[in-house]
């Protein structure tokens, strides 16, 4: 897990308000939380189901997203959407 201060510096230096930030290795979701708190949107992917469940639980326990909707897809679901 990377420190939020470091992630925030990278996000602020490489994106603008309202931009979409991609995290292909979401892990504990630090980049997503940091991006959202800095006015960015985020798209995270994670292959490890343990981390996916951790992120889901974290988002459900907190009002982290406010009024924004969070969607979860399996790889199979996501492929269906793309095709």
PDB file of N, CA and C in Angstrom:
ATOM      1  N   UNK A   1       0.844  -1.180   0.000  1.00  0.00           N
ATOM      2  CA  UNK A   1       0.000   0.000   0.000  1.00  0.00           C
ATOM      3  C   UNK A   1       0.882   1.234   0.000  1.00  0.00           C
ATOM      4  N   UNK A   2       0.539   2.169  -0.855  1.00  0.00           N
ATOM      5  CA  UNK A   2       1.300   3.413  -0.963  1.00  0.00           C
ATOM      6  C   UNK A   2       0.683   4.469  -0.050  1.00  0.00           C
ATOM      7  N   UNK A   3       1.527   5.382   0.469  1.00  0.00           N
ATOM      8  CA  UNK A   3       1.004   6.445   1.329  1.00  0.00           C
ATOM      9  C   UNK A   3       0.086   7.383   0.544  1.00  0.00           C
ATOM     10  N   UNK A   4      -1.019   7.788   1.175  1.00  0.00           N
ATOM     11  CA  UNK A   4      -1.988   8.647   0.502  1.00  0.00           C
ATOM     12  C   UNK A   4      -1.363   9.971   0.058  1.00  0.00           C
ATOM     13  N   UNK A   5      -0.425  10.514   0.853  1.00  0.00           N
ATOM     14  CA  UNK A   5       0.230  11.777   0.469  1.00  0.00           C
ATOM     15  C   UNK A   5       0.962  11.641  -0.869  1.00  0.00           C
ATOM     16  N   UNK A   6       1.638  10.533  -1.075  1.00  0.00           N
ATOM     17  CA  UNK A   6       2.353  10.286  -2.325  1.00  0.00           C
ATOM     18  C   UNK A   6       1.374  10.142  -3.478  1.00  0.00           C
ATOM     19  N   UNK A   7       0.322   9.370  -3.278  1.00  0.00           N
ATOM     20  CA  UNK A   7      -0.692   9.167  -4.310  1.00  0.00           C
ATOM     21  C   UNK A   7      -1.347  10.506  -4.663  1.00  0.00           C
ATOM     22  N   UNK A   8      -1.644  11.327  -3.654  1.00  0.00           N
ATOM     23  CA  UNK A   8      -2.279  12.626  -3.893  1.00  0.00           C
ATOM     24  C   UNK A   8      -1.392  13.512  -4.763  1.00  0.00           C
ATOM     25  N   UNK A   9      -0.101  13.526  -4.496  1.00  0.00           N
ATOM     26  CA  UNK A   9       0.828  14.329  -5.309  1.00  0.00           C
ATOM     27  C   UNK A   9       0.804  13.889  -6.769  1.00  0.00           C
ATOM     28  N   UNK A  10       0.817  12.585  -6.985  1.00  0.00           N
ATOM     29  CA  UNK A  10       0.789  12.054  -8.352  1.00  0.00           C
ATOM     30  C   UNK A  10      -0.519  12.400  -9.063  1.00  0.00           C
ATOM     31  N   UNK A  11      -1.622  12.260  -8.356  1.00  0.00           N
ATOM     32  CA  UNK A  11      -2.933  12.561  -8.944  1.00  0.00           C
ATOM     33  C   UNK A  11      -3.036  14.031  -9.299  1.00  0.00           C
ATOM     34  N   UNK A  12      -2.643  14.903  -8.385  1.00  0.00           N
ATOM     35  CA  UNK A  12      -2.750  16.343  -8.623  1.00  0.00           C
ATOM     36  C   UNK A  12      -1.806  16.808  -9.733  1.00  0.00           C
ATOM     37  N   UNK A  13      -0.660  16.160  -9.859  1.00  0.00           N
ATOM     38  CA  UNK A  13       0.314  16.553 -10.881  1.00  0.00           C
ATOM     39  C   UNK A  13      -0.050  16.032 -12.271  1.00  0.00           C
ATOM     40  N   UNK A  14      -0.861  14.985 -12.343  1.00  0.00           N
ATOM     41  CA  UNK A  14      -1.094  14.351 -13.645  1.00  0.00           C
ATOM     42  C   UNK A  14      -2.550  14.359 -14.109  1.00  0.00           C
ATOM     43  N   UNK A  15      -3.431  15.046 -13.383  1.00  0.00           N
ATOM     44  CA  UNK A  15      -4.843  15.074 -13.789  1.00  0.00           C
ATOM     45  C   UNK A  15      -5.492  16.373 -13.351  1.00  0.00           C
ATOM     46  N   UNK A  16      -6.682  16.608 -13.882  1.00  0.00           N
ATOM     47  CA  UNK A  16      -7.459  17.802 -13.548  1.00  0.00           C
ATOM     48  C   UNK A  16      -8.765  17.390 -12.884  1.00  0.00           C
ATOM     49  N   UNK A  17      -9.434  18.359 -12.268  1.00  0.00           N
ATOM     50  CA  UNK A  17     -10.760  18.107 -11.688  1.00  0.00           C
ATOM     51  C   UNK A  17     -11.658  17.415 -12.693  1.00  0.00           C
ATOM     52  N   UNK A  18     -12.358  16.376 -12.247  1.00  0.00           N
ATOM     53  CA  UNK A  18     -13.306  15.672 -13.100  1.00  0.00           C
ATOM     54  C   UNK A  18     -12.699  14.610 -13.996  1.00  0.00           C
ATOM     55  N   UNK A  19     -11.365  14.519 -14.060  1.00  0.00           N
ATOM     56  CA  UNK A  19     -10.717  13.496 -14.883  1.00  0.00           C
ATOM     57  C   UNK A  19     -10.964  12.107 -14.312  1.00  0.00           C
ATOM     58  N   UNK A  20     -10.723  11.106 -15.148  1.00  0.00           N
ATOM     59  CA  UNK A  20     -10.831   9.708 -14.746  1.00  0.00           C
ATOM     60  C   UNK A  20      -9.436   9.170 -14.475  1.00  0.00           C
ATOM     61  N   UNK A  21      -9.226   8.613 -13.291  1.00  0.00           N
ATOM     62  CA  UNK A  21      -7.944   8.042 -12.897  1.00  0.00           C
ATOM     63  C   UNK A  21      -8.084   6.523 -12.893  1.00  0.00           C
ATOM     64  N   UNK A  22      -7.186   5.836 -13.574  1.00  0.00           N
ATOM     65  CA  UNK A  22      -7.215   4.376 -13.675  1.00  0.00           C
ATOM     66  C   UNK A  22      -6.213   3.755 -12.715  1.00  0.00           C
ATOM     67  N   UNK A  23      -6.677   2.773 -11.971  1.00  0.00           N
ATOM     68  CA  UNK A  23      -5.801   1.981 -11.107  1.00  0.00           C
ATOM     69  C   UNK A  23      -5.984   0.511 -11.481  1.00  0.00           C
ATOM     70  N   UNK A  24      -5.084  -0.044 -12.324  1.00  0.00           N
ATOM     71  CA  UNK A  24      -5.247  -1.423 -12.777  1.00  0.00           C
ATOM     72  C   UNK A  24      -4.943  -2.471 -11.703  1.00  0.00           C
ATOM     73  N   UNK A  25      -4.352  -2.046 -10.593  1.00  0.00           N
ATOM     74  CA  UNK A  25      -4.029  -2.969  -9.496  1.00  0.00           C
ATOM     75  C   UNK A  25      -4.532  -2.340  -8.203  1.00  0.00           C
ATOM     76  N   UNK A  26      -5.841  -2.370  -7.985  1.00  0.00           N
ATOM     77  CA  UNK A  26      -6.492  -1.585  -6.939  1.00  0.00           C
ATOM     78  C   UNK A  26      -6.029  -1.908  -5.522  1.00  0.00           C
ATOM     79  N   UNK A  27      -5.712  -3.151  -5.252  1.00  0.00           N
ATOM     80  CA  UNK A  27      -5.267  -3.503  -3.899  1.00  0.00           C
ATOM     81  C   UNK A  27      -6.277  -3.082  -2.856  1.00  0.00           C
ATOM     82  N   UNK A  28      -5.884  -2.206  -1.952  1.00  0.00           N
ATOM     83  CA  UNK A  28      -6.775  -1.769  -0.872  1.00  0.00           C
ATOM     84  C   UNK A  28      -7.634  -0.571  -1.259  1.00  0.00           C
ATOM     85  N   UNK A  29      -7.477  -0.048  -2.463  1.00  0.00           N
ATOM     86  CA  UNK A  29      -8.336   1.041  -2.943  1.00  0.00           C
ATOM     87  C   UNK A  29      -7.864   2.440  -2.606  1.00  0.00           C
ATOM     88  N   UNK A  30      -6.628   2.591  -2.154  1.00  0.00           N
ATOM     89  CA  UNK A  30      -6.114   3.898  -1.762  1.00  0.00           C
ATOM     90  C   UNK A  30      -6.178   4.912  -2.898  1.00  0.00           C
ATOM     91  N   UNK A  31      -5.802   4.504  -4.099  1.00  0.00           N
ATOM     92  CA  UNK A  31      -5.821   5.442  -5.216  1.00  0.00           C
ATOM     93  C   UNK A  31      -7.243   5.925  -5.501  1.00  0.00           C
ATOM     94  N   UNK A  32      -8.215   5.046  -5.475  1.00  0.00           N
ATOM     95  CA  UNK A  32      -9.604   5.438  -5.718  1.00  0.00           C
ATOM     96  C   UNK A  32     -10.106   6.427  -4.684  1.00  0.00           C
ATOM     97  N   UNK A  33      -9.873   6.136  -3.422  1.00  0.00           N
ATOM     98  CA  UNK A  33     -10.296   7.046  -2.351  1.00  0.00           C
ATOM     99  C   UNK A  33      -9.614   8.402  -2.481  1.00  0.00           C
ATOM    100  N   UNK A  34      -8.329   8.389  -2.778  1.00  0.00           N
ATOM    101  CA  UNK A  34      -7.573   9.628  -2.898  1.00  0.00           C
ATOM    102  C   UNK A  34      -8.016  10.425  -4.111  1.00  0.00           C
ATOM    103  N   UNK A  35      -8.243   9.748  -5.232  1.00  0.00           N
ATOM    104  CA  UNK A  35      -8.703  10.426  -6.442  1.00  0.00           C
ATOM    105  C   UNK A  35     -10.041  11.109  -6.196  1.00  0.00           C
ATOM    106  N   UNK A  36     -10.960  10.397  -5.590  1.00  0.00           N
ATOM    107  CA  UNK A  36     -12.289  10.952  -5.350  1.00  0.00           C
ATOM    108  C   UNK A  36     -12.233  12.150  -4.408  1.00  0.00           C
ATOM    109  N   UNK A  37     -11.407  12.056  -3.387  1.00  0.00           N
ATOM    110  CA  UNK A  37     -11.306  13.169  -2.428  1.00  0.00           C
ATOM    111  C   UNK A  37     -10.629  14.388  -3.045  1.00  0.00           C
ATOM    112  N   UNK A  38      -9.977  14.207  -4.202  1.00  0.00           N
ATOM    113  CA  UNK A  38      -9.334  15.323  -4.905  1.00  0.00           C
ATOM    114  C   UNK A  38     -10.132  15.748  -6.140  1.00  0.00           C
ATOM    115  N   UNK A  39     -11.391  15.330  -6.209  1.00  0.00           N
ATOM    116  CA  UNK A  39     -12.276  15.779  -7.284  1.00  0.00           C
ATOM    117  C   UNK A  39     -12.138  15.017  -8.592  1.00  0.00           C
ATOM    118  N   UNK A  40     -11.521  13.845  -8.544  1.00  0.00           N
ATOM    119  CA  UNK A  40     -11.377  13.012  -9.734  1.00  0.00           C
ATOM    120  C   UNK A  40     -12.318  11.817  -9.637  1.00  0.00           C
ATOM    121  N   UNK A  41     -12.622  11.221 -10.776  1.00  0.00           N
ATOM    122  CA  UNK A  41     -13.343   9.952 -10.824  1.00  0.00           C
ATOM    123  C   UNK A  41     -12.307   8.846 -10.885  1.00  0.00           C
ATOM    124  N   UNK A  42     -12.706   7.628 -10.604  1.00  0.00           N
ATOM    125  CA  UNK A  42     -11.723   6.545 -10.647  1.00  0.00           C
ATOM    126  C   UNK A  42     -12.325   5.285 -11.227  1.00  0.00           C
ATOM    127  N   UNK A  43     -11.457   4.470 -11.795  1.00  0.00           N
ATOM    128  CA  UNK A  43     -11.801   3.151 -12.313  1.00  0.00           C
ATOM    129  C   UNK A  43     -10.722   2.219 -11.802  1.00  0.00           C
ATOM    130  N   UNK A  44     -11.114   1.254 -10.983  1.00  0.00           N
ATOM    131  CA  UNK A  44     -10.145   0.333 -10.400  1.00  0.00           C
ATOM    132  C   UNK A  44     -10.433  -1.083 -10.864  1.00  0.00           C
ATOM    133  N   UNK A  45      -9.380  -1.847 -11.074  1.00  0.00           N
ATOM    134  CA  UNK A  45      -9.513  -3.267 -11.350  1.00  0.00           C
ATOM    135  C   UNK A  45      -8.643  -4.023 -10.347  1.00  0.00           C
ATOM    136  N   UNK A  46      -9.071  -5.211 -10.006  1.00  0.00           N
ATOM    137  CA  UNK A  46      -8.310  -6.045  -9.079  1.00  0.00           C
ATOM    138  C   UNK A  46      -8.642  -7.501  -9.350  1.00  0.00           C
ATOM    139  N   UNK A  47      -7.626  -8.323  -9.508  1.00  0.00           N
ATOM    140  CA  UNK A  47      -7.817  -9.732  -9.804  1.00  0.00           C
ATOM    141  C   UNK A  47      -7.997 -10.565  -8.525  1.00  0.00           C
ATOM    142  N   UNK A  48      -7.476 -10.087  -7.412  1.00  0.00           N
ATOM    143  CA  UNK A  48      -7.534 -10.822  -6.153  1.00  0.00           C
ATOM    144  C   UNK A  48      -8.889 -10.583  -5.477  1.00  0.00           C
ATOM    145  N   UNK A  49      -9.682 -11.631  -5.343  1.00  0.00           N
ATOM    146  CA  UNK A  49     -11.032 -11.497  -4.790  1.00  0.00           C
ATOM    147  C   UNK A  49     -11.022 -11.014  -3.338  1.00  0.00           C
ATOM    148  N   UNK A  50      -9.971 -11.302  -2.597  1.00  0.00           N
ATOM    149  CA  UNK A  50      -9.871 -10.828  -1.217  1.00  0.00           C
ATOM    150  C   UNK A  50      -9.816  -9.314  -1.179  1.00  0.00           C
ATOM    151  N   UNK A  51      -9.001  -8.723  -2.050  1.00  0.00           N
ATOM    152  CA  UNK A  51      -8.920  -7.265  -2.120  1.00  0.00           C
ATOM    153  C   UNK A  51     -10.233  -6.669  -2.626  1.00  0.00           C
ATOM    154  N   UNK A  52     -10.861  -7.322  -3.585  1.00  0.00           N
ATOM    155  CA  UNK A  52     -12.156  -6.835  -4.101  1.00  0.00           C
ATOM    156  C   UNK A  52     -13.172  -6.763  -2.968  1.00  0.00           C
ATOM    157  N   UNK A  53     -13.250  -7.800  -2.168  1.00  0.00           N
ATOM    158  CA  UNK A  53     -14.201  -7.814  -1.052  1.00  0.00           C
ATOM    159  C   UNK A  53     -13.839  -6.753  -0.028  1.00  0.00           C
ATOM    160  N   UNK A  54     -12.558  -6.565   0.226  1.00  0.00           N
ATOM    161  CA  UNK A  54     -12.108  -5.540   1.173  1.00  0.00           C
ATOM    162  C   UNK A  54     -12.574  -4.158   0.719  1.00  0.00           C
ATOM    163  N   UNK A  55     -12.380  -3.855  -0.567  1.00  0.00           N
ATOM    164  CA  UNK A  55     -12.784  -2.555  -1.110  1.00  0.00           C
ATOM    165  C   UNK A  55     -14.301  -2.395  -1.027  1.00  0.00           C
ATOM    166  N   UNK A  56     -15.038  -3.426  -1.391  1.00  0.00           N
ATOM    167  CA  UNK A  56     -16.511  -3.371  -1.305  1.00  0.00           C
ATOM    168  C   UNK A  56     -16.957  -3.071   0.127  1.00  0.00           C
ATOM    169  N   UNK A  57     -16.389  -3.796   1.095  1.00  0.00           N
ATOM    170  CA  UNK A  57     -16.748  -3.592   2.494  1.00  0.00           C
ATOM    171  C   UNK A  57     -16.418  -2.173   2.951  1.00  0.00           C
ATOM    172  N   UNK A  58     -15.266  -1.693   2.555  1.00  0.00           N
ATOM    173  CA  UNK A  58     -14.840  -0.343   2.926  1.00  0.00           C
ATOM    174  C   UNK A  58     -15.810   0.701   2.372  1.00  0.00           C
ATOM    175  N   UNK A  59     -16.196   0.555   1.131  1.00  0.00           N
ATOM    176  CA  UNK A  59     -17.098   1.517   0.502  1.00  0.00           C
ATOM    177  C   UNK A  59     -18.485   1.464   1.122  1.00  0.00           C
ATOM    178  N   UNK A  60     -18.927   0.289   1.542  1.00  0.00           N
ATOM    179  CA  UNK A  60     -20.246   0.153   2.150  1.00  0.00           C
ATOM    180  C   UNK A  60     -20.286   0.696   3.580  1.00  0.00           C
ATOM    181  N   UNK A  61     -19.169   0.618   4.292  1.00  0.00           N
ATOM    182  CA  UNK A  61     -19.123   1.064   5.686  1.00  0.00           C
ATOM    183  C   UNK A  61     -19.039   2.580   5.808  1.00  0.00           C
ATOM    184  N   UNK A  62     -18.504   3.234   4.819  1.00  0.00           N
ATOM    185  CA  UNK A  62     -18.308   4.678   4.888  1.00  0.00           C
ATOM    186  C   UNK A  62     -19.177   5.378   3.856  1.00  0.00           C
ATOM    187  N   UNK A  63     -19.376   6.644   4.036  1.00  0.00           N
ATOM    188  CA  UNK A  63     -20.090   7.437   3.031  1.00  0.00           C
ATOM    189  C   UNK A  63     -19.055   8.018   2.070  1.00  0.00           C
ATOM    190  N   UNK A  64     -18.092   7.221   1.753  1.00  0.00           N
ATOM    191  CA  UNK A  64     -16.954   7.593   0.928  1.00  0.00           C
ATOM    192  C   UNK A  64     -17.362   8.160  -0.428  1.00  0.00           C
ATOM    193  N   UNK A  65     -18.386   7.578  -1.048  1.00  0.00           N
ATOM    194  CA  UNK A  65     -18.792   8.025  -2.379  1.00  0.00           C
ATOM    195  C   UNK A  65     -19.860   9.103  -2.362  1.00  0.00           C
ATOM    196  N   UNK A  66     -20.421   9.414  -1.213  1.00  0.00           N
ATOM    197  CA  UNK A  66     -21.487  10.406  -1.168  1.00  0.00           C
ATOM    198  C   UNK A  66     -22.659   9.929  -2.009  1.00  0.00           C
ATOM    199  N   UNK A  67     -23.094  10.754  -2.937  1.00  0.00           N
ATOM    200  CA  UNK A  67     -24.252  10.416  -3.776  1.00  0.00           C
ATOM    201  C   UNK A  67     -23.853   9.639  -5.028  1.00  0.00           C
ATOM    202  N   UNK A  68     -22.559   9.437  -5.237  1.00  0.00           N
ATOM    203  CA  UNK A  68     -22.110   8.746  -6.446  1.00  0.00           C
ATOM    204  C   UNK A  68     -22.383   7.256  -6.356  1.00  0.00           C
ATOM    205  N   UNK A  69     -22.631   6.662  -7.495  1.00  0.00           N
ATOM    206  CA  UNK A  69     -22.931   5.235  -7.562  1.00  0.00           C
ATOM    207  C   UNK A  69     -21.647   4.450  -7.827  1.00  0.00           C
ATOM    208  N   UNK A  70     -21.505   3.322  -7.170  1.00  0.00           N
ATOM    209  CA  UNK A  70     -20.360   2.458  -7.377  1.00  0.00           C
ATOM    210  C   UNK A  70     -20.862   1.166  -8.012  1.00  0.00           C
ATOM    211  N   UNK A  71     -20.235   0.748  -9.102  1.00  0.00           N
ATOM    212  CA  UNK A  71     -20.636  -0.480  -9.786  1.00  0.00           C
ATOM    213  C   UNK A  71     -19.500  -1.484  -9.718  1.00  0.00           C
ATOM    214  N   UNK A  72     -19.855  -2.747  -9.541  1.00  0.00           N
ATOM    215  CA  UNK A  72     -18.885  -3.829  -9.473  1.00  0.00           C
ATOM    216  C   UNK A  72     -19.174  -4.811 -10.600  1.00  0.00           C
ATOM    217  N   UNK A  73     -18.134  -5.264 -11.272  1.00  0.00           N
ATOM    218  CA  UNK A  73     -18.284  -6.220 -12.357  1.00  0.00           C
ATOM    219  C   UNK A  73     -17.261  -7.336 -12.205  1.00  0.00           C
ATOM    220  N   UNK A  74     -17.670  -8.547 -12.534  1.00  0.00           N
ATOM    221  CA  UNK A  74     -16.691  -9.616 -12.692  1.00  0.00           C
ATOM    222  C   UNK A  74     -16.063  -9.422 -14.072  1.00  0.00           C
ATOM    223  N   UNK A  75     -14.981 -10.087 -14.336  1.00  0.00           N
ATOM    224  CA  UNK A  75     -14.348  -9.975 -15.649  1.00  0.00           C
ATOM    225  C   UNK A  75     -15.308 -10.418 -16.746  1.00  0.00           C
ATOM    226  N   UNK A  76     -16.067 -11.462 -16.483  1.00  0.00           N
ATOM    227  CA  UNK A  76     -17.018 -11.959 -17.472  1.00  0.00           C
ATOM    228  C   UNK A  76     -18.101 -10.914 -17.766  1.00  0.00           C
ATOM    229  N   UNK A  77     -18.625 -10.280 -16.702  1.00  0.00           N
ATOM    230  CA  UNK A  77     -19.630  -9.224 -16.883  1.00  0.00           C
ATOM    231  C   UNK A  77     -19.065  -8.063 -17.692  1.00  0.00           C
ATOM    232  N   UNK A  78     -17.858  -7.696 -17.369  1.00  0.00           N
ATOM    233  CA  UNK A  78     -17.230  -6.561 -18.037  1.00  0.00           C
ATOM    234  C   UNK A  78     -17.001  -6.854 -19.520  1.00  0.00           C
ATOM    235  N   UNK A  79     -16.587  -8.082 -19.820  1.00  0.00           N
ATOM    236  CA  UNK A  79     -16.409  -8.478 -21.229  1.00  0.00           C
ATOM    237  C   UNK A  79     -17.729  -8.384 -21.988  1.00  0.00           C
ATOM    238  N   UNK A  80     -18.818  -8.814 -21.354  1.00  0.00           N
ATOM    239  CA  UNK A  80     -20.140  -8.744 -21.988  1.00  0.00           C
ATOM    240  C   UNK A  80     -20.524  -7.307 -22.307  1.00  0.00           C
ATOM    241  N   UNK A  81     -20.202  -6.390 -21.422  1.00  0.00           N
ATOM    242  CA  UNK A  81     -20.516  -4.984 -21.643  1.00  0.00           C
ATOM    243  C   UNK A  81     -19.722  -4.433 -22.816  1.00  0.00           C
ATOM    244  N   UNK A  82     -18.470  -4.831 -22.926  1.00  0.00           N
ATOM    245  CA  UNK A  82     -17.604  -4.329 -23.994  1.00  0.00           C
ATOM    246  C   UNK A  82     -17.947  -4.896 -25.354  1.00  0.00           C
ATOM    247  N   UNK A  83     -18.443  -6.125 -25.397  1.00  0.00           N
ATOM    248  CA  UNK A  83     -18.701  -6.788 -26.675  1.00  0.00           C
ATOM    249  C   UNK A  83     -20.073  -6.533 -27.195  1.00  0.00           C
TER     250      UNK A  83
END
